[in-house]
Amino acid sequence: MNLFFKYLKESQLVPNWDTRQFYGIFLGTIYLTQTLLFVVLQRGSAWTYRRDLVYGTQLLCAAAAVGLTFVRADAAILAAGSLIGISLGF
């Protein structure tokens, strides 16, 4: 994640934000969605030991990470962060 902070700082990707604050909000978005999905999924067991769901979430994480390099809007960056958090929470 340190490279993403460096990328934010050098590219001036979010000019209306302080880079440190936006980076903290981005990480918070990832961790919040990861925790929420973990809390929701622990209540059931239908998702356990299913390869298709594991592969799907890994593809979702990869797509969000790649898509993150193409977006310029702060809301889109935070949405990609939430998709990464969902895939990590699985």
PDB file of N, CA and C in Angstrom:
ATOM      1  N   MET A   1       0.800  -1.193   0.000  1.00  0.00           N
ATOM      2  CA  MET A   1       0.000   0.000   0.000  1.00  0.00           C
ATOM      3  C   MET A   1       0.849   1.266   0.000  1.00  0.00           C
ATOM      4  N   ASN A   2       2.089   1.168   0.374  1.00  0.00           N
ATOM      5  CA  ASN A   2       2.938   2.355   0.360  1.00  0.00           C
ATOM      6  C   ASN A   2       3.125   2.883  -1.050  1.00  0.00           C
ATOM      7  N   LEU A   3       3.125   2.001  -2.032  1.00  0.00           N
ATOM      8  CA  LEU A   3       3.240   2.458  -3.415  1.00  0.00           C
ATOM      9  C   LEU A   3       1.995   3.227  -3.842  1.00  0.00           C
ATOM     10  N   PHE A   4       0.827   2.835  -3.340  1.00  0.00           N
ATOM     11  CA  PHE A   4      -0.389   3.573  -3.669  1.00  0.00           C
ATOM     12  C   PHE A   4      -0.343   4.969  -3.068  1.00  0.00           C
ATOM     13  N   PHE A   5       0.184   5.099  -1.857  1.00  0.00           N
ATOM     14  CA  PHE A   5       0.324   6.426  -1.246  1.00  0.00           C
ATOM     15  C   PHE A   5       1.271   7.291  -2.072  1.00  0.00           C
ATOM     16  N   LYS A   6       2.372   6.697  -2.506  1.00  0.00           N
ATOM     17  CA  LYS A   6       3.325   7.428  -3.339  1.00  0.00           C
ATOM     18  C   LYS A   6       2.676   7.829  -4.668  1.00  0.00           C
ATOM     19  N   TYR A   7       1.893   6.925  -5.239  1.00  0.00           N
ATOM     20  CA  TYR A   7       1.176   7.218  -6.482  1.00  0.00           C
ATOM     21  C   TYR A   7       0.187   8.366  -6.280  1.00  0.00           C
ATOM     22  N   LEU A   8      -0.543   8.350  -5.178  1.00  0.00           N
ATOM     23  CA  LEU A   8      -1.481   9.438  -4.887  1.00  0.00           C
ATOM     24  C   LEU A   8      -0.755  10.768  -4.744  1.00  0.00           C
ATOM     25  N   LYS A   9       0.359  10.729  -4.072  1.00  0.00           N
ATOM     26  CA  LYS A   9       1.092  11.967  -3.790  1.00  0.00           C
ATOM     27  C   LYS A   9       1.714  12.562  -5.045  1.00  0.00           C
ATOM     28  N   GLU A  10       2.307  11.721  -5.863  1.00  0.00           N
ATOM     29  CA  GLU A  10       3.007  12.223  -7.047  1.00  0.00           C
ATOM     30  C   GLU A  10       2.070  12.592  -8.192  1.00  0.00           C
ATOM     31  N   SER A  11       0.979  11.865  -8.330  1.00  0.00           N
ATOM     32  CA  SER A  11       0.107  12.111  -9.479  1.00  0.00           C
ATOM     33  C   SER A  11      -0.943  13.181  -9.218  1.00  0.00           C
ATOM     34  N   GLN A  12      -1.057  13.636  -7.957  1.00  0.00           N
ATOM     35  CA  GLN A  12      -2.098  14.604  -7.600  1.00  0.00           C
ATOM     36  C   GLN A  12      -3.462  14.115  -8.079  1.00  0.00           C
ATOM     37  N   LEU A  13      -3.742  12.859  -7.801  1.00  0.00           N
ATOM     38  CA  LEU A  13      -4.953  12.207  -8.277  1.00  0.00           C
ATOM     39  C   LEU A  13      -6.210  12.797  -7.654  1.00  0.00           C
ATOM     40  N   VAL A  14      -6.131  13.179  -6.416  1.00  0.00           N
ATOM     41  CA  VAL A  14      -7.273  13.773  -5.705  1.00  0.00           C
ATOM     42  C   VAL A  14      -6.863  15.153  -5.198  1.00  0.00           C
ATOM     43  N   PRO A  15      -6.941  16.167  -6.066  1.00  0.00           N
ATOM     44  CA  PRO A  15      -6.416  17.493  -5.700  1.00  0.00           C
ATOM     45  C   PRO A  15      -7.210  18.187  -4.603  1.00  0.00           C
ATOM     46  N   ASN A  16      -8.474  17.837  -4.398  1.00  0.00           N
ATOM     47  CA  ASN A  16      -9.285  18.508  -3.389  1.00  0.00           C
ATOM     48  C   ASN A  16      -9.095  17.911  -1.996  1.00  0.00           C
ATOM     49  N   TRP A  17      -8.293  16.883  -1.866  1.00  0.00           N
ATOM     50  CA  TRP A  17      -8.081  16.184  -0.604  1.00  0.00           C
ATOM     51  C   TRP A  17      -6.628  16.324  -0.165  1.00  0.00           C
ATOM     52  N   ASP A  18      -6.430  16.232   1.139  1.00  0.00           N
ATOM     53  CA  ASP A  18      -5.086  16.026   1.662  1.00  0.00           C
ATOM     54  C   ASP A  18      -4.745  14.564   1.396  1.00  0.00           C
ATOM     55  N   THR A  19      -3.570  14.301   0.870  1.00  0.00           N
ATOM     56  CA  THR A  19      -3.206  12.950   0.454  1.00  0.00           C
ATOM     57  C   THR A  19      -3.256  11.972   1.625  1.00  0.00           C
ATOM     58  N   ARG A  20      -2.792  12.379   2.784  1.00  0.00           N
ATOM     59  CA  ARG A  20      -2.789  11.482   3.946  1.00  0.00           C
ATOM     60  C   ARG A  20      -4.199  11.164   4.406  1.00  0.00           C
ATOM     61  N   GLN A  21      -5.078  12.153   4.378  1.00  0.00           N
ATOM     62  CA  GLN A  21      -6.461  11.913   4.781  1.00  0.00           C
ATOM     63  C   GLN A  21      -7.161  10.979   3.801  1.00  0.00           C
ATOM     64  N   PHE A  22      -6.973  11.207   2.516  1.00  0.00           N
ATOM     65  CA  PHE A  22      -7.625  10.359   1.528  1.00  0.00           C
ATOM     66  C   PHE A  22      -7.100   8.930   1.603  1.00  0.00           C
ATOM     67  N   TYR A  23      -5.806   8.782   1.825  1.00  0.00           N
ATOM     68  CA  TYR A  23      -5.225   7.457   1.962  1.00  0.00           C
ATOM     69  C   TYR A  23      -5.808   6.734   3.181  1.00  0.00           C
ATOM     70  N   GLY A  24      -5.989   7.453   4.276  1.00  0.00           N
ATOM     71  CA  GLY A  24      -6.606   6.868   5.462  1.00  0.00           C
ATOM     72  C   GLY A  24      -8.046   6.462   5.225  1.00  0.00           C
ATOM     73  N   ILE A  25      -8.789   7.293   4.513  1.00  0.00           N
ATOM     74  CA  ILE A  25     -10.176   6.959   4.190  1.00  0.00           C
ATOM     75  C   ILE A  25     -10.224   5.765   3.241  1.00  0.00           C
ATOM     76  N   PHE A  26      -9.311   5.707   2.300  1.00  0.00           N
ATOM     77  CA  PHE A  26      -9.241   4.572   1.377  1.00  0.00           C
ATOM     78  C   PHE A  26      -8.978   3.269   2.128  1.00  0.00           C
ATOM     79  N   LEU A  27      -7.989   3.284   3.030  1.00  0.00           N
ATOM     80  CA  LEU A  27      -7.709   2.089   3.826  1.00  0.00           C
ATOM     81  C   LEU A  27      -8.873   1.760   4.747  1.00  0.00           C
ATOM     82  N   GLY A  28      -9.507   2.769   5.311  1.00  0.00           N
ATOM     83  CA  GLY A  28     -10.680   2.541   6.155  1.00  0.00           C
ATOM     84  C   GLY A  28     -11.815   1.901   5.395  1.00  0.00           C
ATOM     85  N   THR A  29     -11.992   2.297   4.143  1.00  0.00           N
ATOM     86  CA  THR A  29     -13.023   1.699   3.304  1.00  0.00           C
ATOM     87  C   THR A  29     -12.741   0.217   3.079  1.00  0.00           C
ATOM     88  N   ILE A  30     -11.492  -0.102   2.800  1.00  0.00           N
ATOM     89  CA  ILE A  30     -11.123  -1.506   2.596  1.00  0.00           C
ATOM     90  C   ILE A  30     -11.382  -2.306   3.868  1.00  0.00           C
ATOM     91  N   TYR A  31     -10.896  -1.817   4.994  1.00  0.00           N
ATOM     92  CA  TYR A  31     -11.013  -2.568   6.244  1.00  0.00           C
ATOM     93  C   TYR A  31     -12.455  -2.658   6.724  1.00  0.00           C
ATOM     94  N   LEU A  32     -13.239  -1.610   6.529  1.00  0.00           N
ATOM     95  CA  LEU A  32     -14.640  -1.634   6.955  1.00  0.00           C
ATOM     96  C   LEU A  32     -15.444  -2.654   6.152  1.00  0.00           C
ATOM     97  N   THR A  33     -15.295  -2.636   4.840  1.00  0.00           N
ATOM     98  CA  THR A  33     -16.053  -3.598   4.036  1.00  0.00           C
ATOM     99  C   THR A  33     -15.563  -5.020   4.274  1.00  0.00           C
ATOM    100  N   GLN A  34     -14.280  -5.185   4.509  1.00  0.00           N
ATOM    101  CA  GLN A  34     -13.745  -6.509   4.818  1.00  0.00           C
ATOM    102  C   GLN A  34     -14.353  -7.039   6.117  1.00  0.00           C
ATOM    103  N   THR A  35     -14.414  -6.202   7.127  1.00  0.00           N
ATOM    104  CA  THR A  35     -14.966  -6.616   8.416  1.00  0.00           C
ATOM    105  C   THR A  35     -16.461  -6.883   8.316  1.00  0.00           C
ATOM    106  N   LEU A  36     -17.185  -6.010   7.634  1.00  0.00           N
ATOM    107  CA  LEU A  36     -18.625  -6.207   7.497  1.00  0.00           C
ATOM    108  C   LEU A  36     -18.946  -7.511   6.763  1.00  0.00           C
ATOM    109  N   LEU A  37     -18.220  -7.797   5.715  1.00  0.00           N
ATOM    110  CA  LEU A  37     -18.480  -9.039   4.988  1.00  0.00           C
ATOM    111  C   LEU A  37     -18.131 -10.250   5.844  1.00  0.00           C
ATOM    112  N   PHE A  38     -17.073 -10.156   6.604  1.00  0.00           N
ATOM    113  CA  PHE A  38     -16.712 -11.260   7.487  1.00  0.00           C
ATOM    114  C   PHE A  38     -17.795 -11.493   8.533  1.00  0.00           C
ATOM    115  N   VAL A  39     -18.344 -10.427   9.105  1.00  0.00           N
ATOM    116  CA  VAL A  39     -19.402 -10.563  10.102  1.00  0.00           C
ATOM    117  C   VAL A  39     -20.656 -11.180   9.472  1.00  0.00           C
ATOM    118  N   VAL A  40     -20.995 -10.763   8.263  1.00  0.00           N
ATOM    119  CA  VAL A  40     -22.177 -11.304   7.591  1.00  0.00           C
ATOM    120  C   VAL A  40     -21.972 -12.773   7.219  1.00  0.00           C
ATOM    121  N   LEU A  41     -20.807 -13.107   6.707  1.00  0.00           N
ATOM    122  CA  LEU A  41     -20.575 -14.479   6.234  1.00  0.00           C
ATOM    123  C   LEU A  41     -20.376 -15.482   7.359  1.00  0.00           C
ATOM    124  N   GLN A  42     -20.023 -15.032   8.549  1.00  0.00           N
ATOM    125  CA  GLN A  42     -19.812 -15.991   9.627  1.00  0.00           C
ATOM    126  C   GLN A  42     -21.122 -16.586  10.125  1.00  0.00           C
ATOM    127  N   ARG A  43     -22.231 -15.995   9.763  1.00  0.00           N
ATOM    128  CA  ARG A  43     -23.528 -16.485  10.211  1.00  0.00           C
ATOM    129  C   ARG A  43     -24.005 -17.705   9.430  1.00  0.00           C
ATOM    130  N   GLY A  44     -23.437 -17.952   8.281  1.00  0.00           N
ATOM    131  CA  GLY A  44     -23.854 -19.098   7.473  1.00  0.00           C
ATOM    132  C   GLY A  44     -22.662 -19.941   7.079  1.00  0.00           C
ATOM    133  N   SER A  45     -22.953 -21.084   6.518  1.00  0.00           N
ATOM    134  CA  SER A  45     -21.851 -21.961   6.112  1.00  0.00           C
ATOM    135  C   SER A  45     -21.962 -22.393   4.652  1.00  0.00           C
ATOM    136  N   ALA A  46     -22.897 -21.832   3.923  1.00  0.00           N
ATOM    137  CA  ALA A  46     -23.079 -22.238   2.531  1.00  0.00           C
ATOM    138  C   ALA A  46     -21.930 -21.766   1.638  1.00  0.00           C
ATOM    139  N   TRP A  47     -21.177 -20.799   2.080  1.00  0.00           N
ATOM    140  CA  TRP A  47     -20.101 -20.233   1.261  1.00  0.00           C
ATOM    141  C   TRP A  47     -18.767 -20.947   1.471  1.00  0.00           C
ATOM    142  N   THR A  48     -18.666 -21.780   2.504  1.00  0.00           N
ATOM    143  CA  THR A  48     -17.382 -22.404   2.821  1.00  0.00           C
ATOM    144  C   THR A  48     -17.046 -23.533   1.852  1.00  0.00           C
ATOM    145  N   TYR A  49     -15.784 -23.687   1.586  1.00  0.00           N
ATOM    146  CA  TYR A  49     -15.234 -24.759   0.753  1.00  0.00           C
ATOM    147  C   TYR A  49     -15.836 -24.768  -0.657  1.00  0.00           C
ATOM    148  N   ARG A  50     -16.007 -23.590  -1.222  1.00  0.00           N
ATOM    149  CA  ARG A  50     -16.507 -23.499  -2.598  1.00  0.00           C
ATOM    150  C   ARG A  50     -15.471 -22.770  -3.436  1.00  0.00           C
ATOM    151  N   ARG A  51     -14.884 -23.506  -4.338  1.00  0.00           N
ATOM    152  CA  ARG A  51     -13.812 -22.927  -5.162  1.00  0.00           C
ATOM    153  C   ARG A  51     -14.294 -21.810  -6.061  1.00  0.00           C
ATOM    154  N   ASP A  52     -15.481 -21.967  -6.613  1.00  0.00           N
ATOM    155  CA  ASP A  52     -15.968 -20.948  -7.547  1.00  0.00           C
ATOM    156  C   ASP A  52     -16.094 -19.585  -6.874  1.00  0.00           C
ATOM    157  N   LEU A  53     -16.522 -19.559  -5.625  1.00  0.00           N
ATOM    158  CA  LEU A  53     -16.619 -18.279  -4.923  1.00  0.00           C
ATOM    159  C   LEU A  53     -15.241 -17.709  -4.592  1.00  0.00           C
ATOM    160  N   VAL A  54     -14.317 -18.581  -4.241  1.00  0.00           N
ATOM    161  CA  VAL A  54     -12.957 -18.117  -3.957  1.00  0.00           C
ATOM    162  C   VAL A  54     -12.315 -17.537  -5.210  1.00  0.00           C
ATOM    163  N   TYR A  55     -12.449 -18.244  -6.319  1.00  0.00           N
ATOM    164  CA  TYR A  55     -11.885 -17.748  -7.573  1.00  0.00           C
ATOM    165  C   TYR A  55     -12.579 -16.455  -8.010  1.00  0.00           C
ATOM    166  N   GLY A  56     -13.881 -16.393  -7.805  1.00  0.00           N
ATOM    167  CA  GLY A  56     -14.618 -15.184  -8.170  1.00  0.00           C
ATOM    168  C   GLY A  56     -14.180 -13.970  -7.373  1.00  0.00           C
ATOM    169  N   THR A  57     -13.975 -14.159  -6.076  1.00  0.00           N
ATOM    170  CA  THR A  57     -13.535 -13.020  -5.265  1.00  0.00           C
ATOM    171  C   THR A  57     -12.100 -12.617  -5.591  1.00  0.00           C
ATOM    172  N   GLN A  58     -11.275 -13.580  -5.952  1.00  0.00           N
ATOM    173  CA  GLN A  58      -9.913 -13.228  -6.358  1.00  0.00           C
ATOM    174  C   GLN A  58      -9.916 -12.450  -7.672  1.00  0.00           C
ATOM    175  N   LEU A  59     -10.778 -12.848  -8.586  1.00  0.00           N
ATOM    176  CA  LEU A  59     -10.909 -12.094  -9.842  1.00  0.00           C
ATOM    177  C   LEU A  59     -11.469 -10.695  -9.589  1.00  0.00           C
ATOM    178  N   LEU A  60     -12.414 -10.597  -8.650  1.00  0.00           N
ATOM    179  CA  LEU A  60     -12.956  -9.293  -8.290  1.00  0.00           C
ATOM    180  C   LEU A  60     -11.870  -8.390  -7.725  1.00  0.00           C
ATOM    181  N   CYS A  61     -11.033  -8.932  -6.871  1.00  0.00           N
ATOM    182  CA  CYS A  61      -9.936  -8.153  -6.290  1.00  0.00           C
ATOM    183  C   CYS A  61      -8.954  -7.708  -7.375  1.00  0.00           C
ATOM    184  N   ALA A  62      -8.622  -8.618  -8.278  1.00  0.00           N
ATOM    185  CA  ALA A  62      -7.693  -8.276  -9.358  1.00  0.00           C
ATOM    186  C   ALA A  62      -8.289  -7.211 -10.273  1.00  0.00           C
ATOM    187  N   ALA A  63      -9.570  -7.361 -10.599  1.00  0.00           N
ATOM    188  CA  ALA A  63     -10.225  -6.379 -11.475  1.00  0.00           C
ATOM    189  C   ALA A  63     -10.296  -5.012 -10.808  1.00  0.00           C
ATOM    190  N   ALA A  64     -10.586  -4.986  -9.522  1.00  0.00           N
ATOM    191  CA  ALA A  64     -10.648  -3.705  -8.809  1.00  0.00           C
ATOM    192  C   ALA A  64      -9.264  -3.061  -8.722  1.00  0.00           C
ATOM    193  N   ALA A  65      -8.235  -3.865  -8.500  1.00  0.00           N
ATOM    194  CA  ALA A  65      -6.875  -3.320  -8.413  1.00  0.00           C
ATOM    195  C   ALA A  65      -6.413  -2.780  -9.764  1.00  0.00           C
ATOM    196  N   VAL A  66      -6.724  -3.498 -10.819  1.00  0.00           N
ATOM    197  CA  VAL A  66      -6.355  -3.010 -12.155  1.00  0.00           C
ATOM    198  C   VAL A  66      -7.192  -1.792 -12.517  1.00  0.00           C
ATOM    199  N   GLY A  67      -8.480  -1.836 -12.211  1.00  0.00           N
ATOM    200  CA  GLY A  67      -9.347  -0.703 -12.501  1.00  0.00           C
ATOM    201  C   GLY A  67      -8.970   0.540 -11.736  1.00  0.00           C
ATOM    202  N   LEU A  68      -8.346   0.349 -10.596  1.00  0.00           N
ATOM    203  CA  LEU A  68      -7.915   1.476  -9.777  1.00  0.00           C
ATOM    204  C   LEU A  68      -6.899   2.352 -10.492  1.00  0.00           C
ATOM    205  N   THR A  69      -6.147   1.771 -11.391  1.00  0.00           N
ATOM    206  CA  THR A  69      -5.140   2.547 -12.112  1.00  0.00           C
ATOM    207  C   THR A  69      -5.741   3.409 -13.215  1.00  0.00           C
ATOM    208  N   PHE A  70      -6.985   3.148 -13.591  1.00  0.00           N
ATOM    209  CA  PHE A  70      -7.605   3.884 -14.690  1.00  0.00           C
ATOM    210  C   PHE A  70      -8.600   4.953 -14.249  1.00  0.00           C
ATOM    211  N   VAL A  71      -9.019   4.940 -12.997  1.00  0.00           N
ATOM    212  CA  VAL A  71     -10.033   5.894 -12.553  1.00  0.00           C
ATOM    213  C   VAL A  71      -9.373   7.159 -12.037  1.00  0.00           C
ATOM    214  N   ARG A  72     -10.095   8.259 -12.129  1.00  0.00           N
ATOM    215  CA  ARG A  72      -9.583   9.547 -11.687  1.00  0.00           C
ATOM    216  C   ARG A  72     -10.479  10.210 -10.650  1.00  0.00           C
ATOM    217  N   ALA A  73     -11.686   9.733 -10.471  1.00  0.00           N
ATOM    218  CA  ALA A  73     -12.609  10.348  -9.519  1.00  0.00           C
ATOM    219  C   ALA A  73     -12.416   9.735  -8.138  1.00  0.00           C
ATOM    220  N   ASP A  74     -12.528  10.569  -7.123  1.00  0.00           N
ATOM    221  CA  ASP A  74     -12.309  10.067  -5.767  1.00  0.00           C
ATOM    222  C   ASP A  74     -13.371   9.054  -5.349  1.00  0.00           C
ATOM    223  N   ALA A  75     -14.614   9.235  -5.767  1.00  0.00           N
ATOM    224  CA  ALA A  75     -15.664   8.271  -5.429  1.00  0.00           C
ATOM    225  C   ALA A  75     -15.396   6.916  -6.082  1.00  0.00           C
ATOM    226  N   ALA A  76     -14.871   6.931  -7.298  1.00  0.00           N
ATOM    227  CA  ALA A  76     -14.559   5.673  -7.985  1.00  0.00           C
ATOM    228  C   ALA A  76     -13.389   4.955  -7.311  1.00  0.00           C
ATOM    229  N   ILE A  77     -12.432   5.714  -6.804  1.00  0.00           N
ATOM    230  CA  ILE A  77     -11.306   5.107  -6.081  1.00  0.00           C
ATOM    231  C   ILE A  77     -11.799   4.456  -4.795  1.00  0.00           C
ATOM    232  N   LEU A  78     -12.690   5.134  -4.090  1.00  0.00           N
ATOM    233  CA  LEU A  78     -13.231   4.554  -2.857  1.00  0.00           C
ATOM    234  C   LEU A  78     -14.127   3.349  -3.154  1.00  0.00           C
ATOM    235  N   ALA A  79     -14.841   3.375  -4.275  1.00  0.00           N
ATOM    236  CA  ALA A  79     -15.641   2.213  -4.660  1.00  0.00           C
ATOM    237  C   ALA A  79     -14.748   1.023  -4.985  1.00  0.00           C
ATOM    238  N   ALA A  80     -13.642   1.274  -5.655  1.00  0.00           N
ATOM    239  CA  ALA A  80     -12.693   0.190  -5.918  1.00  0.00           C
ATOM    240  C   ALA A  80     -12.102  -0.341  -4.612  1.00  0.00           C
ATOM    241  N   GLY A  81     -11.882   0.540  -3.652  1.00  0.00           N
ATOM    242  CA  GLY A  81     -11.403   0.113  -2.340  1.00  0.00           C
ATOM    243  C   GLY A  81     -12.413  -0.785  -1.643  1.00  0.00           C
ATOM    244  N   SER A  82     -13.682  -0.466  -1.776  1.00  0.00           N
ATOM    245  CA  SER A  82     -14.695  -1.312  -1.151  1.00  0.00           C
ATOM    246  C   SER A  82     -14.777  -2.674  -1.844  1.00  0.00           C
ATOM    247  N   LEU A  83     -14.583  -2.721  -3.153  1.00  0.00           N
ATOM    248  CA  LEU A  83     -14.554  -4.011  -3.848  1.00  0.00           C
ATOM    249  C   LEU A  83     -13.358  -4.850  -3.417  1.00  0.00           C
ATOM    250  N   ILE A  84     -12.231  -4.197  -3.207  1.00  0.00           N
ATOM    251  CA  ILE A  84     -11.063  -4.911  -2.698  1.00  0.00           C
ATOM    252  C   ILE A  84     -11.344  -5.445  -1.301  1.00  0.00           C
ATOM    253  N   GLY A  85     -11.987  -4.639  -0.474  1.00  0.00           N
ATOM    254  CA  GLY A  85     -12.330  -5.081   0.874  1.00  0.00           C
ATOM    255  C   GLY A  85     -13.304  -6.242   0.875  1.00  0.00           C
ATOM    256  N   ILE A  86     -14.262  -6.232  -0.042  1.00  0.00           N
ATOM    257  CA  ILE A  86     -15.202  -7.351  -0.147  1.00  0.00           C
ATOM    258  C   ILE A  86     -14.471  -8.628  -0.511  1.00  0.00           C
ATOM    259  N   SER A  87     -13.572  -8.531  -1.465  1.00  0.00           N
ATOM    260  CA  SER A  87     -12.863  -9.741  -1.886  1.00  0.00           C
ATOM    261  C   SER A  87     -11.902 -10.221  -0.808  1.00  0.00           C
ATOM    262  N   LEU A  88     -11.315  -9.318  -0.032  1.00  0.00           N
ATOM    263  CA  LEU A  88     -10.432  -9.739   1.057  1.00  0.00           C
ATOM    264  C   LEU A  88     -11.218 -10.311   2.232  1.00  0.00           C
ATOM    265  N   GLY A  89     -12.437  -9.839   2.422  1.00  0.00           N
ATOM    266  CA  GLY A  89     -13.262 -10.338   3.514  1.00  0.00           C
ATOM    267  C   GLY A  89     -13.803 -11.721   3.277  1.00  0.00           C
ATOM    268  N   PHE A  90     -13.800 -12.148   2.058  1.00  0.00           N
ATOM    269  CA  PHE A  90     -14.300 -13.479   1.757  1.00  0.00           C
ATOM    270  C   PHE A  90     -13.286 -14.506   2.159  1.00  0.00           C
TER     271      PHE A  90
END
